[in-house]
N, C-alpha and C. Protein backbone atom coordinates (compact mmCIF):
# COMPACT_ATOMS: atom_id res chain seq x y z
N MET A 1 110.62 -69.29 -105.06
CA MET A 1 112.03 -69.36 -104.79
C MET A 1 112.52 -67.95 -104.46
N ALA A 2 113.33 -67.83 -103.41
CA ALA A 2 113.85 -66.53 -102.98
C ALA A 2 114.90 -66.05 -103.96
N SER A 3 114.86 -64.75 -104.23
CA SER A 3 115.85 -64.18 -105.15
C SER A 3 117.17 -63.96 -104.41
N LYS A 4 118.23 -64.00 -105.16
CA LYS A 4 119.56 -63.78 -104.60
C LYS A 4 119.71 -62.30 -104.24
N PRO A 5 120.21 -61.99 -103.02
CA PRO A 5 120.35 -60.58 -102.63
C PRO A 5 121.36 -59.87 -103.51
N GLU A 6 121.12 -58.59 -103.71
CA GLU A 6 122.04 -57.77 -104.50
C GLU A 6 123.38 -57.68 -103.80
N ARG A 7 124.46 -57.64 -104.57
CA ARG A 7 125.80 -57.53 -104.00
C ARG A 7 126.06 -56.12 -103.48
N PHE A 8 125.43 -55.12 -104.12
CA PHE A 8 125.62 -53.73 -103.72
C PHE A 8 124.30 -53.11 -103.31
N LEU A 9 124.37 -52.19 -102.35
CA LEU A 9 123.19 -51.50 -101.85
C LEU A 9 123.32 -50.01 -102.12
N SER A 10 122.20 -49.37 -102.37
CA SER A 10 122.21 -47.91 -102.50
C SER A 10 122.40 -47.32 -101.11
N VAL A 11 122.70 -46.04 -101.05
CA VAL A 11 122.88 -45.39 -99.76
C VAL A 11 121.57 -45.44 -98.96
N GLY A 12 120.44 -45.29 -99.62
CA GLY A 12 119.15 -45.37 -98.94
C GLY A 12 118.87 -46.76 -98.40
N GLN A 13 119.19 -47.79 -99.19
CA GLN A 13 118.99 -49.16 -98.74
C GLN A 13 119.87 -49.48 -97.54
N LEU A 14 121.14 -49.07 -97.59
CA LEU A 14 122.05 -49.33 -96.47
C LEU A 14 121.59 -48.58 -95.22
N ALA A 15 121.18 -47.34 -95.40
CA ALA A 15 120.70 -46.55 -94.26
C ALA A 15 119.49 -47.20 -93.62
N ALA A 16 118.54 -47.64 -94.44
CA ALA A 16 117.33 -48.28 -93.91
C ALA A 16 117.66 -49.58 -93.19
N ARG A 17 118.51 -50.39 -93.78
CA ARG A 17 118.86 -51.68 -93.17
C ARG A 17 119.62 -51.51 -91.87
N CYS A 18 120.43 -50.45 -91.75
CA CYS A 18 121.26 -50.24 -90.56
C CYS A 18 120.59 -49.35 -89.52
N GLY A 19 119.50 -48.70 -89.90
CA GLY A 19 118.81 -47.83 -88.96
C GLY A 19 119.55 -46.54 -88.69
N VAL A 20 120.21 -46.01 -89.71
CA VAL A 20 120.92 -44.73 -89.58
C VAL A 20 120.46 -43.79 -90.68
N ALA A 21 120.77 -42.54 -90.52
CA ALA A 21 120.45 -41.55 -91.55
C ALA A 21 121.46 -41.66 -92.69
N VAL A 22 121.03 -41.27 -93.87
CA VAL A 22 121.92 -41.24 -95.03
C VAL A 22 123.13 -40.35 -94.72
N SER A 23 122.90 -39.23 -94.05
CA SER A 23 123.99 -38.32 -93.71
C SER A 23 125.02 -39.00 -92.80
N THR A 24 124.58 -39.93 -91.97
CA THR A 24 125.50 -40.67 -91.11
C THR A 24 126.43 -41.52 -91.97
N LEU A 25 125.88 -42.17 -92.97
CA LEU A 25 126.71 -42.98 -93.87
C LEU A 25 127.71 -42.12 -94.62
N HIS A 26 127.28 -40.95 -95.07
CA HIS A 26 128.20 -40.04 -95.76
C HIS A 26 129.31 -39.62 -94.79
N PHE A 27 128.95 -39.35 -93.55
CA PHE A 27 129.95 -38.97 -92.54
C PHE A 27 130.93 -40.11 -92.30
N TYR A 28 130.43 -41.33 -92.11
CA TYR A 28 131.31 -42.49 -91.90
C TYR A 28 132.25 -42.67 -93.09
N GLU A 29 131.72 -42.47 -94.27
CA GLU A 29 132.55 -42.63 -95.47
C GLU A 29 133.63 -41.55 -95.52
N ALA A 30 133.26 -40.32 -95.20
CA ALA A 30 134.24 -39.22 -95.19
C ALA A 30 135.35 -39.47 -94.17
N LYS A 31 135.01 -40.16 -93.08
CA LYS A 31 135.99 -40.46 -92.03
C LYS A 31 136.78 -41.74 -92.33
N GLY A 32 136.47 -42.40 -93.43
CA GLY A 32 137.20 -43.61 -93.81
C GLY A 32 136.76 -44.86 -93.07
N LEU A 33 135.57 -44.83 -92.46
CA LEU A 33 135.08 -45.98 -91.72
C LEU A 33 134.40 -47.00 -92.63
N ILE A 34 133.78 -46.52 -93.69
CA ILE A 34 133.15 -47.39 -94.69
C ILE A 34 133.56 -46.90 -96.06
N ARG A 35 133.24 -47.71 -97.07
CA ARG A 35 133.59 -47.32 -98.44
C ARG A 35 132.44 -47.64 -99.38
N SER A 36 132.43 -46.93 -100.48
CA SER A 36 131.43 -47.20 -101.51
C SER A 36 132.11 -47.17 -102.86
N GLN A 37 131.36 -47.57 -103.86
CA GLN A 37 131.80 -47.45 -105.24
C GLN A 37 130.77 -46.60 -105.95
N ARG A 38 131.14 -46.08 -107.09
CA ARG A 38 130.19 -45.30 -107.88
C ARG A 38 129.72 -46.14 -109.06
N ASN A 39 128.41 -46.09 -109.30
CA ASN A 39 127.87 -46.80 -110.47
C ASN A 39 128.01 -45.89 -111.69
N PRO A 40 127.62 -46.36 -112.88
CA PRO A 40 127.76 -45.52 -114.07
C PRO A 40 127.01 -44.19 -113.98
N GLY A 41 125.96 -44.12 -113.16
CA GLY A 41 125.22 -42.88 -112.97
C GLY A 41 125.82 -42.03 -111.85
N ASN A 42 127.00 -42.38 -111.38
CA ASN A 42 127.74 -41.66 -110.33
C ASN A 42 127.03 -41.69 -108.97
N GLN A 43 126.23 -42.72 -108.74
CA GLN A 43 125.57 -42.89 -107.45
C GLN A 43 126.39 -43.86 -106.59
N ARG A 44 126.39 -43.60 -105.29
CA ARG A 44 127.11 -44.48 -104.37
C ARG A 44 126.44 -45.85 -104.32
N ARG A 45 127.28 -46.87 -104.30
CA ARG A 45 126.81 -48.25 -104.10
C ARG A 45 127.75 -48.87 -103.07
N TYR A 46 127.14 -49.43 -102.03
CA TYR A 46 127.91 -50.00 -100.93
C TYR A 46 127.90 -51.52 -101.02
N PRO A 47 129.07 -52.14 -100.89
CA PRO A 47 129.10 -53.60 -100.84
C PRO A 47 128.29 -54.08 -99.63
N ARG A 48 127.67 -55.23 -99.72
CA ARG A 48 126.85 -55.77 -98.63
C ARG A 48 127.66 -55.88 -97.33
N GLU A 49 128.98 -56.06 -97.44
CA GLU A 49 129.82 -56.18 -96.26
C GLU A 49 129.72 -54.96 -95.35
N MET A 50 129.31 -53.83 -95.92
CA MET A 50 129.21 -52.61 -95.13
C MET A 50 128.07 -52.69 -94.11
N LEU A 51 127.10 -53.59 -94.33
CA LEU A 51 126.03 -53.77 -93.35
C LEU A 51 126.62 -54.12 -91.98
N ARG A 52 127.48 -55.11 -91.94
CA ARG A 52 128.07 -55.53 -90.67
C ARG A 52 129.05 -54.49 -90.15
N ARG A 53 129.77 -53.86 -91.04
CA ARG A 53 130.74 -52.83 -90.61
C ARG A 53 130.01 -51.67 -89.93
N VAL A 54 128.90 -51.23 -90.51
CA VAL A 54 128.12 -50.14 -89.89
C VAL A 54 127.58 -50.61 -88.54
N SER A 55 127.17 -51.85 -88.46
CA SER A 55 126.68 -52.38 -87.18
C SER A 55 127.78 -52.35 -86.12
N VAL A 56 128.99 -52.74 -86.49
CA VAL A 56 130.12 -52.70 -85.56
C VAL A 56 130.37 -51.26 -85.11
N ILE A 57 130.33 -50.32 -86.05
CA ILE A 57 130.54 -48.91 -85.73
C ILE A 57 129.47 -48.42 -84.75
N LYS A 58 128.22 -48.76 -85.02
CA LYS A 58 127.12 -48.31 -84.15
C LYS A 58 127.26 -48.87 -82.74
N VAL A 59 127.58 -50.15 -82.61
CA VAL A 59 127.74 -50.75 -81.29
C VAL A 59 128.91 -50.10 -80.56
N ALA A 60 130.02 -49.91 -81.26
CA ALA A 60 131.20 -49.28 -80.64
C ALA A 60 130.86 -47.86 -80.18
N GLN A 61 130.15 -47.12 -80.99
CA GLN A 61 129.76 -45.76 -80.60
C GLN A 61 128.84 -45.79 -79.38
N ARG A 62 127.94 -46.74 -79.34
CA ARG A 62 127.03 -46.86 -78.19
C ARG A 62 127.83 -47.14 -76.92
N LEU A 63 128.95 -47.83 -77.05
CA LEU A 63 129.82 -48.11 -75.90
C LEU A 63 130.65 -46.88 -75.51
N GLY A 64 130.60 -45.85 -76.35
CA GLY A 64 131.36 -44.64 -76.05
C GLY A 64 132.76 -44.64 -76.62
N ILE A 65 133.04 -45.54 -77.55
CA ILE A 65 134.36 -45.60 -78.18
C ILE A 65 134.47 -44.44 -79.16
N PRO A 66 135.54 -43.64 -79.06
CA PRO A 66 135.72 -42.53 -80.00
C PRO A 66 135.89 -43.02 -81.44
N LEU A 67 135.44 -42.22 -82.39
CA LEU A 67 135.55 -42.60 -83.80
C LEU A 67 136.99 -42.88 -84.22
N ALA A 68 137.94 -42.15 -83.65
CA ALA A 68 139.35 -42.39 -83.99
C ALA A 68 139.76 -43.81 -83.60
N SER A 69 139.30 -44.29 -82.45
CA SER A 69 139.61 -45.65 -82.02
C SER A 69 138.90 -46.68 -82.89
N ILE A 70 137.67 -46.38 -83.27
CA ILE A 70 136.92 -47.27 -84.15
C ILE A 70 137.63 -47.37 -85.50
N HIS A 71 138.05 -46.23 -86.02
CA HIS A 71 138.75 -46.20 -87.30
C HIS A 71 140.03 -47.03 -87.24
N ALA A 72 140.81 -46.83 -86.18
CA ALA A 72 142.07 -47.58 -86.04
C ALA A 72 141.79 -49.08 -85.97
N ALA A 73 140.76 -49.47 -85.24
CA ALA A 73 140.42 -50.89 -85.12
C ALA A 73 139.97 -51.46 -86.47
N LEU A 74 139.15 -50.72 -87.19
CA LEU A 74 138.67 -51.21 -88.48
C LEU A 74 139.79 -51.31 -89.51
N GLN A 75 140.82 -50.52 -89.34
CA GLN A 75 141.96 -50.58 -90.26
C GLN A 75 142.71 -51.91 -90.15
N THR A 76 142.52 -52.62 -89.04
CA THR A 76 143.19 -53.91 -88.87
C THR A 76 142.49 -55.03 -89.63
N LEU A 77 141.28 -54.77 -90.14
CA LEU A 77 140.55 -55.77 -90.91
C LEU A 77 141.02 -55.75 -92.35
N LEU A 78 141.01 -56.90 -92.97
CA LEU A 78 141.36 -56.94 -94.39
C LEU A 78 140.32 -56.16 -95.18
N GLU A 79 140.77 -55.42 -96.16
CA GLU A 79 139.89 -54.58 -96.98
C GLU A 79 138.79 -55.41 -97.63
N GLY A 80 137.56 -54.96 -97.43
CA GLY A 80 136.44 -55.59 -98.09
C GLY A 80 135.89 -56.83 -97.40
N ARG A 81 136.55 -57.31 -96.35
CA ARG A 81 136.07 -58.51 -95.68
C ARG A 81 135.05 -58.13 -94.62
N THR A 82 134.00 -58.92 -94.54
CA THR A 82 132.97 -58.70 -93.53
C THR A 82 133.57 -59.02 -92.17
N PRO A 83 133.40 -58.13 -91.18
CA PRO A 83 133.88 -58.45 -89.83
C PRO A 83 133.18 -59.71 -89.30
N THR A 84 133.96 -60.60 -88.74
CA THR A 84 133.43 -61.86 -88.21
C THR A 84 133.26 -61.77 -86.70
N ALA A 85 132.70 -62.82 -86.12
CA ALA A 85 132.58 -62.89 -84.66
C ALA A 85 133.97 -62.85 -84.02
N ALA A 86 134.94 -63.49 -84.64
CA ALA A 86 136.31 -63.46 -84.12
C ALA A 86 136.88 -62.04 -84.18
N ASP A 87 136.58 -61.32 -85.26
CA ASP A 87 137.02 -59.92 -85.36
C ASP A 87 136.41 -59.11 -84.23
N TRP A 88 135.10 -59.30 -83.99
CA TRP A 88 134.44 -58.54 -82.93
C TRP A 88 135.06 -58.88 -81.57
N ALA A 89 135.36 -60.14 -81.33
CA ALA A 89 135.98 -60.52 -80.06
C ALA A 89 137.32 -59.81 -79.88
N ARG A 90 138.09 -59.74 -80.93
CA ARG A 90 139.40 -59.07 -80.86
C ARG A 90 139.21 -57.56 -80.66
N LEU A 91 138.33 -56.95 -81.44
CA LEU A 91 138.11 -55.51 -81.34
C LEU A 91 137.55 -55.13 -79.97
N SER A 92 136.55 -55.88 -79.52
CA SER A 92 135.95 -55.55 -78.22
C SER A 92 136.95 -55.78 -77.09
N GLY A 93 137.83 -56.75 -77.26
CA GLY A 93 138.88 -56.96 -76.25
C GLY A 93 139.82 -55.77 -76.16
N GLN A 94 140.12 -55.16 -77.30
CA GLN A 94 140.98 -53.98 -77.31
C GLN A 94 140.31 -52.81 -76.59
N TRP A 95 139.01 -52.71 -76.76
CA TRP A 95 138.28 -51.59 -76.19
C TRP A 95 137.93 -51.80 -74.71
N ARG A 96 137.98 -53.04 -74.26
CA ARG A 96 137.58 -53.34 -72.88
C ARG A 96 138.41 -52.57 -71.86
N ALA A 97 139.73 -52.57 -72.03
CA ALA A 97 140.60 -51.85 -71.08
C ALA A 97 140.28 -50.36 -71.10
N GLU A 98 140.05 -49.81 -72.27
CA GLU A 98 139.69 -48.40 -72.40
C GLU A 98 138.39 -48.10 -71.66
N LEU A 99 137.41 -48.98 -71.82
CA LEU A 99 136.13 -48.80 -71.13
C LEU A 99 136.28 -48.95 -69.62
N ASP A 100 137.07 -49.93 -69.18
CA ASP A 100 137.30 -50.13 -67.75
C ASP A 100 137.95 -48.89 -67.14
N GLU A 101 138.91 -48.31 -67.83
CA GLU A 101 139.58 -47.09 -67.34
C GLU A 101 138.59 -45.94 -67.26
N ARG A 102 137.76 -45.79 -68.29
CA ARG A 102 136.77 -44.72 -68.29
C ARG A 102 135.76 -44.90 -67.15
N ILE A 103 135.32 -46.14 -66.93
CA ILE A 103 134.38 -46.42 -65.84
C ILE A 103 135.02 -46.08 -64.50
N SER A 104 136.27 -46.45 -64.34
CA SER A 104 136.98 -46.15 -63.09
C SER A 104 137.06 -44.64 -62.86
N ARG A 105 137.43 -43.90 -63.89
CA ARG A 105 137.53 -42.43 -63.76
C ARG A 105 136.18 -41.81 -63.47
N LEU A 106 135.14 -42.28 -64.14
CA LEU A 106 133.80 -41.72 -63.90
C LEU A 106 133.30 -42.06 -62.50
N THR A 107 133.60 -43.26 -62.04
CA THR A 107 133.21 -43.63 -60.68
C THR A 107 133.92 -42.74 -59.67
N GLN A 108 135.20 -42.52 -59.88
CA GLN A 108 135.97 -41.65 -58.99
C GLN A 108 135.42 -40.23 -59.02
N LEU A 109 135.12 -39.72 -60.21
CA LEU A 109 134.55 -38.38 -60.32
C LEU A 109 133.20 -38.29 -59.63
N ARG A 110 132.37 -39.32 -59.84
CA ARG A 110 131.06 -39.33 -59.19
C ARG A 110 131.20 -39.29 -57.68
N ASP A 111 132.10 -40.11 -57.15
CA ASP A 111 132.28 -40.17 -55.70
C ASP A 111 132.85 -38.86 -55.15
N GLN A 112 133.74 -38.23 -55.89
CA GLN A 112 134.30 -36.95 -55.46
C GLN A 112 133.25 -35.85 -55.54
N LEU A 113 132.42 -35.90 -56.56
CA LEU A 113 131.39 -34.90 -56.71
C LEU A 113 130.38 -34.99 -55.57
N ALA A 114 130.06 -36.20 -55.16
CA ALA A 114 129.13 -36.37 -54.04
C ALA A 114 129.69 -35.70 -52.78
N GLY A 115 131.01 -35.81 -52.57
CA GLY A 115 131.63 -35.16 -51.42
C GLY A 115 131.53 -33.66 -51.52
N CYS A 116 131.67 -33.13 -52.69
CA CYS A 116 131.58 -31.69 -52.90
C CYS A 116 130.16 -31.20 -52.66
N ILE A 117 129.20 -31.92 -53.17
CA ILE A 117 127.81 -31.53 -52.98
C ILE A 117 127.47 -31.54 -51.49
N GLY A 118 128.04 -32.51 -50.75
CA GLY A 118 127.78 -32.62 -49.32
C GLY A 118 128.23 -31.40 -48.54
N CYS A 119 129.35 -30.82 -48.94
CA CYS A 119 129.84 -29.66 -48.20
C CYS A 119 129.28 -28.36 -48.75
N GLY A 120 128.89 -28.36 -50.00
CA GLY A 120 128.35 -27.14 -50.60
C GLY A 120 129.37 -26.02 -50.67
N CYS A 121 130.63 -26.38 -50.54
CA CYS A 121 131.75 -25.42 -50.59
C CYS A 121 131.61 -24.32 -49.54
N LEU A 122 130.93 -24.64 -48.45
CA LEU A 122 130.80 -23.67 -47.36
C LEU A 122 131.97 -23.78 -46.39
N SER A 123 132.66 -24.93 -46.44
CA SER A 123 133.79 -25.13 -45.56
C SER A 123 134.97 -25.61 -46.37
N LEU A 124 135.91 -24.74 -46.67
CA LEU A 124 137.08 -25.14 -47.46
C LEU A 124 137.94 -26.14 -46.72
N GLU A 125 137.83 -26.21 -45.39
CA GLU A 125 138.62 -27.18 -44.63
C GLU A 125 138.12 -28.61 -44.89
N ALA A 126 136.82 -28.78 -45.09
CA ALA A 126 136.26 -30.12 -45.25
C ALA A 126 136.05 -30.50 -46.71
N CYS A 127 136.12 -29.56 -47.63
CA CYS A 127 135.82 -29.83 -49.04
C CYS A 127 136.92 -30.67 -49.69
N PRO A 128 136.57 -31.85 -50.26
CA PRO A 128 137.58 -32.70 -50.89
C PRO A 128 138.09 -32.12 -52.21
N LEU A 129 137.46 -31.07 -52.73
CA LEU A 129 137.89 -30.49 -54.01
C LEU A 129 138.65 -29.18 -53.82
N ARG A 130 139.01 -28.85 -52.59
CA ARG A 130 139.63 -27.56 -52.32
C ARG A 130 141.04 -27.47 -52.90
N ASN A 131 141.46 -26.26 -53.08
CA ASN A 131 142.81 -25.97 -53.58
C ASN A 131 143.29 -24.73 -52.84
N PRO A 132 143.61 -24.85 -51.55
CA PRO A 132 143.98 -23.67 -50.77
C PRO A 132 145.20 -22.97 -51.36
N CYS A 133 145.11 -21.67 -51.38
CA CYS A 133 146.21 -20.81 -51.87
C CYS A 133 146.65 -21.17 -53.28
N ASP A 134 145.78 -21.78 -54.04
CA ASP A 134 146.07 -22.15 -55.43
C ASP A 134 147.35 -22.97 -55.54
N GLU A 135 147.55 -23.91 -54.62
CA GLU A 135 148.76 -24.75 -54.59
C GLU A 135 148.97 -25.54 -55.87
N LEU A 136 147.90 -25.88 -56.54
CA LEU A 136 148.01 -26.73 -57.73
C LEU A 136 148.25 -25.95 -59.02
N ALA A 137 148.33 -24.64 -58.95
CA ALA A 137 148.51 -23.82 -60.15
C ALA A 137 149.76 -24.20 -60.93
N GLY A 138 150.80 -24.58 -60.21
CA GLY A 138 152.05 -24.95 -60.87
C GLY A 138 151.96 -26.23 -61.68
N GLU A 139 150.93 -27.03 -61.45
CA GLU A 139 150.77 -28.29 -62.18
C GLU A 139 150.02 -28.13 -63.50
N GLY A 140 149.50 -26.93 -63.74
CA GLY A 140 148.81 -26.70 -65.00
C GLY A 140 147.37 -26.27 -64.79
N ALA A 141 146.72 -25.94 -65.89
CA ALA A 141 145.35 -25.45 -65.86
C ALA A 141 144.36 -26.58 -65.67
N GLY A 142 143.19 -26.23 -65.20
CA GLY A 142 142.10 -27.19 -65.11
C GLY A 142 141.97 -27.84 -63.75
N PRO A 143 140.96 -28.71 -63.62
CA PRO A 143 140.67 -29.37 -62.36
C PRO A 143 141.67 -30.50 -62.11
N ARG A 144 142.81 -30.18 -61.54
CA ARG A 144 143.90 -31.14 -61.36
C ARG A 144 143.49 -32.34 -60.51
N LEU A 145 142.73 -32.12 -59.46
CA LEU A 145 142.35 -33.22 -58.59
C LEU A 145 141.30 -34.13 -59.21
N LEU A 146 140.54 -33.62 -60.13
CA LEU A 146 139.48 -34.41 -60.76
C LEU A 146 139.92 -35.08 -62.05
N ASP A 147 141.09 -34.76 -62.53
CA ASP A 147 141.50 -35.23 -63.84
C ASP A 147 142.55 -36.34 -63.76
N GLY A 148 142.27 -37.35 -62.96
CA GLY A 148 143.15 -38.51 -62.92
C GLY A 148 144.40 -38.33 -62.09
N GLY A 149 144.55 -37.21 -61.46
CA GLY A 149 145.73 -36.97 -60.63
C GLY A 149 145.55 -37.56 -59.26
N GLU A 150 145.83 -36.78 -58.27
CA GLU A 150 145.75 -37.20 -56.87
C GLU A 150 144.33 -37.63 -56.52
N SER A 151 144.21 -38.75 -55.82
CA SER A 151 142.88 -39.17 -55.39
C SER A 151 142.48 -38.41 -54.14
N LEU A 152 141.21 -38.17 -54.01
CA LEU A 152 140.73 -37.38 -52.88
C LEU A 152 140.27 -38.24 -51.76
């Protein structure tokens, strides 16, 4: 007969099950993404629900979602409840627009960069990244044409 799984996991057990380093779990906990309790020996013990929460964090990070956005999304879950498939659908839906915007910006940057490489900046008249006479200085520092401003 199979034994009943433990309700709490040690930091090492959680790290092994999730495929992350112990230091990653400590970092997530310091950022408020996961939580633990202390046992009588003052060792961290993680509720089993943290298995799925760490998985959600890992997938979101792989998608390029910033930790601040992940934290904000996880705050919408009831404390201590395991994220469900419905939770993931809602969270991923929130991140979809952010990812679509990032993909659009990266595609635009890639296409503009290809134009720059083509000219090699040997001809300022033909270069799509040119800024003759520093006309864009009044708009602020940085690559104004590459940073979501005017399309080239």
